[in-house]
Amino acid sequence: MAEEQPPPRREIVTGVPRGTGRRAPAHTPARSEISEQTTLGATYVRALMRSQLRAGLAALAALTLLVGTLPLAFLLPRATSGPLVWAALGLLVYPAMWLIARWYVTRAERNEADFTGLVTDPAQAPLPRRRSA
């Protein structure tokens, strides 16, 4: 009988496929600058803190303007100010406060997402969330 030959050996190629380009570094320079507490890293963190402070002060200014004008409604004569005060307090102030708070949270999350995008490895970055309607 004829002796059977073993099947040819298969070789497995491991590595980056051709045409994919170079892989991004494991640590982006911004992340290492922050972790090493260099001057540039401190500048990145200070920029984040400044943008968060700006958003907070804008929300505070809008809220102060909204609530600060309420005493003007109390200065009107009692006959006309009764229903107006209740309408302003019950129907206008709380939805406006909710909108200001919603704007602030959205802005703060966007600031943090921008900062996170700056310091994370592009290969490991989470996909951007889609806003639901």
C-alpha atoms as a PDB file:
ATOM      1  CA  MET A   1       0.000   0.000   0.000  1.00  0.00           C
ATOM      2  CA  ALA A   2       0.990   3.533  -0.590  1.00  0.00           C
ATOM      3  CA  GLU A   3       2.060   5.528   2.355  1.00  0.00           C
ATOM      4  CA  GLU A   4      -0.162   8.592   2.993  1.00  0.00           C
ATOM      5  CA  GLN A   5       1.489  11.943   3.118  1.00  0.00           C
ATOM      6  CA  PRO A   6       0.497  14.333   5.923  1.00  0.00           C
ATOM      7  CA  PRO A   7      -1.460  17.377   4.806  1.00  0.00           C
ATOM      8  CA  PRO A   8       0.635  20.460   4.142  1.00  0.00           C
ATOM      9  CA  ARG A   9       1.248  22.616   7.167  1.00  0.00           C
ATOM     10  CA  ARG A  10      -0.899  25.738   7.376  1.00  0.00           C
ATOM     11  CA  GLU A  11       0.721  28.947   8.401  1.00  0.00           C
ATOM     12  CA  ILE A  12      -1.125  31.580  10.355  1.00  0.00           C
ATOM     13  CA  VAL A  13      -0.125  35.140   9.726  1.00  0.00           C
ATOM     14  CA  THR A  14      -0.467  37.415  12.713  1.00  0.00           C
ATOM     15  CA  GLY A  15       0.019  41.105  12.443  1.00  0.00           C
ATOM     16  CA  VAL A  16      -1.538  44.201  11.057  1.00  0.00           C
ATOM     17  CA  PRO A  17      -3.102  43.670   7.638  1.00  0.00           C
ATOM     18  CA  ARG A  18      -1.585  45.636   4.807  1.00  0.00           C
ATOM     19  CA  GLY A  19      -3.127  48.971   4.027  1.00  0.00           C
ATOM     20  CA  THR A  20      -4.504  49.611   7.510  1.00  0.00           C
ATOM     21  CA  GLY A  21      -1.819  52.130   8.373  1.00  0.00           C
ATOM     22  CA  ARG A  22      -0.099  52.586  11.656  1.00  0.00           C
ATOM     23  CA  ARG A  23      -1.930  52.027  14.877  1.00  0.00           C
ATOM     24  CA  ALA A  24      -2.388  55.018  17.156  1.00  0.00           C
ATOM     25  CA  PRO A  25      -0.100  55.109  20.176  1.00  0.00           C
ATOM     26  CA  ALA A  26      -1.414  53.518  23.367  1.00  0.00           C
ATOM     27  CA  HIS A  27      -1.168  56.789  25.251  1.00  0.00           C
ATOM     28  CA  THR A  28      -1.873  60.008  23.467  1.00  0.00           C
ATOM     29  CA  PRO A  29       0.458  62.844  24.320  1.00  0.00           C
ATOM     30  CA  ALA A  30      -2.300  64.764  26.118  1.00  0.00           C
ATOM     31  CA  ARG A  31      -2.958  61.893  28.506  1.00  0.00           C
ATOM     32  CA  SER A  32       0.712  61.520  29.348  1.00  0.00           C
ATOM     33  CA  GLU A  33       1.042  65.282  29.789  1.00  0.00           C
ATOM     34  CA  ILE A  34      -1.787  65.233  32.322  1.00  0.00           C
ATOM     35  CA  SER A  35      -0.620  62.145  34.184  1.00  0.00           C
ATOM     36  CA  GLU A  36       2.922  63.483  34.419  1.00  0.00           C
ATOM     37  CA  GLN A  37       1.548  66.827  35.654  1.00  0.00           C
ATOM     38  CA  THR A  38       3.490  68.916  33.188  1.00  0.00           C
ATOM     39  CA  THR A  39       2.709  72.526  32.382  1.00  0.00           C
ATOM     40  CA  LEU A  40       0.890  71.493  29.222  1.00  0.00           C
ATOM     41  CA  GLY A  41      -1.183  68.952  31.148  1.00  0.00           C
ATOM     42  CA  ALA A  42      -2.118  71.608  33.686  1.00  0.00           C
ATOM     43  CA  THR A  43      -3.169  73.833  30.796  1.00  0.00           C
ATOM     44  CA  TYR A  44      -5.476  71.108  29.460  1.00  0.00           C
ATOM     45  CA  VAL A  45      -7.118  70.634  32.853  1.00  0.00           C
ATOM     46  CA  ARG A  46      -7.379  74.386  33.407  1.00  0.00           C
ATOM     47  CA  ALA A  47      -9.102  74.764  30.026  1.00  0.00           C
ATOM     48  CA  LEU A  48     -11.658  72.123  31.031  1.00  0.00           C
ATOM     49  CA  MET A  49     -12.252  73.811  34.368  1.00  0.00           C
ATOM     50  CA  ARG A  50     -12.594  77.196  32.691  1.00  0.00           C
ATOM     51  CA  SER A  51     -15.173  75.925  30.207  1.00  0.00           C
ATOM     52  CA  GLN A  52     -17.142  74.257  33.027  1.00  0.00           C
ATOM     53  CA  LEU A  53     -17.003  77.488  35.063  1.00  0.00           C
ATOM     54  CA  ARG A  54     -18.199  79.482  32.054  1.00  0.00           C
ATOM     55  CA  ALA A  55     -21.184  77.180  31.614  1.00  0.00           C
ATOM     56  CA  GLY A  56     -21.995  77.339  35.332  1.00  0.00           C
ATOM     57  CA  LEU A  57     -21.816  81.130  35.425  1.00  0.00           C
ATOM     58  CA  ALA A  58     -24.033  81.402  32.339  1.00  0.00           C
ATOM     59  CA  ALA A  59     -26.651  79.149  33.962  1.00  0.00           C
ATOM     60  CA  LEU A  60     -26.406  81.121  37.205  1.00  0.00           C
ATOM     61  CA  ALA A  61     -26.827  84.415  35.343  1.00  0.00           C
ATOM     62  CA  ALA A  62     -29.900  83.126  33.520  1.00  0.00           C
ATOM     63  CA  LEU A  63     -31.400  81.850  36.764  1.00  0.00           C
ATOM     64  CA  THR A  64     -30.644  85.124  38.566  1.00  0.00           C
ATOM     65  CA  LEU A  65     -32.245  87.091  35.755  1.00  0.00           C
ATOM     66  CA  LEU A  66     -35.303  84.847  35.851  1.00  0.00           C
ATOM     67  CA  VAL A  67     -35.816  84.832  39.616  1.00  0.00           C
ATOM     68  CA  GLY A  68     -34.552  88.392  40.119  1.00  0.00           C
ATOM     69  CA  THR A  69     -37.333  89.840  37.995  1.00  0.00           C
ATOM     70  CA  LEU A  70     -40.078  88.120  40.000  1.00  0.00           C
ATOM     71  CA  PRO A  71     -40.290  90.854  42.660  1.00  0.00           C
ATOM     72  CA  LEU A  72     -41.294  93.250  39.891  1.00  0.00           C
ATOM     73  CA  ALA A  73     -44.500  91.222  39.523  1.00  0.00           C
ATOM     74  CA  PHE A  74     -45.197  91.737  43.217  1.00  0.00           C
ATOM     75  CA  LEU A  75     -44.981  95.528  42.818  1.00  0.00           C
ATOM     76  CA  LEU A  76     -48.059  95.626  40.585  1.00  0.00           C
ATOM     77  CA  PRO A  77     -51.366  96.577  42.227  1.00  0.00           C
ATOM     78  CA  ARG A  78     -53.005  93.697  44.081  1.00  0.00           C
ATOM     79  CA  ALA A  79     -56.003  93.443  41.745  1.00  0.00           C
ATOM     80  CA  THR A  80     -53.896  92.686  38.695  1.00  0.00           C
ATOM     81  CA  SER A  81     -50.972  91.006  40.368  1.00  0.00           C
ATOM     82  CA  GLY A  82     -52.869  88.134  42.043  1.00  0.00           C
ATOM     83  CA  PRO A  83     -53.342  85.851  39.032  1.00  0.00           C
ATOM     84  CA  LEU A  84     -50.155  87.141  37.379  1.00  0.00           C
ATOM     85  CA  VAL A  85     -48.010  86.172  40.367  1.00  0.00           C
ATOM     86  CA  TRP A  86     -49.436  82.661  40.493  1.00  0.00           C
ATOM     87  CA  ALA A  87     -49.074  82.236  36.753  1.00  0.00           C
ATOM     88  CA  ALA A  88     -45.470  83.459  36.897  1.00  0.00           C
ATOM     89  CA  LEU A  89     -44.589  81.259  39.853  1.00  0.00           C
ATOM     90  CA  GLY A  90     -46.453  78.130  38.787  1.00  0.00           C
ATOM     91  CA  LEU A  91     -46.326  78.138  35.018  1.00  0.00           C
ATOM     92  CA  LEU A  92     -43.279  80.130  33.972  1.00  0.00           C
ATOM     93  CA  VAL A  93     -40.566  79.798  36.589  1.00  0.00           C
ATOM     94  CA  TYR A  94     -40.312  76.034  36.980  1.00  0.00           C
ATOM     95  CA  PRO A  95     -40.256  75.136  33.281  1.00  0.00           C
ATOM     96  CA  ALA A  96     -37.691  77.881  32.691  1.00  0.00           C
ATOM     97  CA  MET A  97     -35.564  76.587  35.577  1.00  0.00           C
ATOM     98  CA  TRP A  98     -35.805  73.089  34.121  1.00  0.00           C
ATOM     99  CA  LEU A  99     -34.671  74.357  30.707  1.00  0.00           C
ATOM    100  CA  ILE A 100     -31.721  76.194  32.256  1.00  0.00           C
ATOM    101  CA  ALA A 101     -30.721  73.074  34.199  1.00  0.00           C
ATOM    102  CA  ARG A 102     -31.093  70.895  31.098  1.00  0.00           C
ATOM    103  CA  TRP A 103     -28.931  73.287  29.077  1.00  0.00           C
ATOM    104  CA  TYR A 104     -26.266  73.311  31.797  1.00  0.00           C
ATOM    105  CA  VAL A 105     -26.082  69.518  32.081  1.00  0.00           C
ATOM    106  CA  THR A 106     -25.894  69.133  28.295  1.00  0.00           C
ATOM    107  CA  ARG A 107     -23.146  71.750  28.075  1.00  0.00           C
ATOM    108  CA  ALA A 108     -21.158  70.195  30.937  1.00  0.00           C
ATOM    109  CA  GLU A 109     -21.392  66.727  29.365  1.00  0.00           C
ATOM    110  CA  ARG A 110     -20.253  68.134  26.017  1.00  0.00           C
ATOM    111  CA  ASN A 111     -17.265  69.837  27.671  1.00  0.00           C
ATOM    112  CA  GLU A 112     -16.285  66.584  29.351  1.00  0.00           C
ATOM    113  CA  ALA A 113     -16.774  64.592  26.144  1.00  0.00           C
ATOM    114  CA  ASP A 114     -14.531  67.031  24.265  1.00  0.00           C
ATOM    115  CA  PHE A 115     -11.883  66.736  26.966  1.00  0.00           C
ATOM    116  CA  THR A 116     -12.161  62.942  27.036  1.00  0.00           C
ATOM    117  CA  GLY A 117     -11.796  62.860  23.249  1.00  0.00           C
ATOM    118  CA  LEU A 118      -8.621  64.859  23.629  1.00  0.00           C
ATOM    119  CA  VAL A 119      -6.968  62.533  26.127  1.00  0.00           C
ATOM    120  CA  THR A 120      -8.177  59.070  25.073  1.00  0.00           C
ATOM    121  CA  ASP A 121      -6.662  56.768  22.519  1.00  0.00           C
ATOM    122  CA  PRO A 122      -8.654  57.122  19.285  1.00  0.00           C
ATOM    123  CA  ALA A 123      -8.797  53.331  18.942  1.00  0.00           C
ATOM    124  CA  GLN A 124     -10.434  53.008  22.363  1.00  0.00           C
ATOM    125  CA  ALA A 125     -12.688  56.069  22.216  1.00  0.00           C
ATOM    126  CA  PRO A 126     -16.374  55.310  22.703  1.00  0.00           C
ATOM    127  CA  LEU A 127     -18.679  55.964  19.815  1.00  0.00           C
ATOM    128  CA  PRO A 128     -20.546  59.262  20.058  1.00  0.00           C
ATOM    129  CA  ARG A 129     -24.041  58.967  21.442  1.00  0.00           C
ATOM    130  CA  ARG A 130     -26.868  59.817  19.140  1.00  0.00           C
ATOM    131  CA  ARG A 131     -29.437  62.183  20.489  1.00  0.00           C
ATOM    132  CA  SER A 132     -32.856  60.637  20.712  1.00  0.00           C
ATOM    133  CA  ALA A 133     -35.760  62.662  19.428  1.00  0.00           C
END
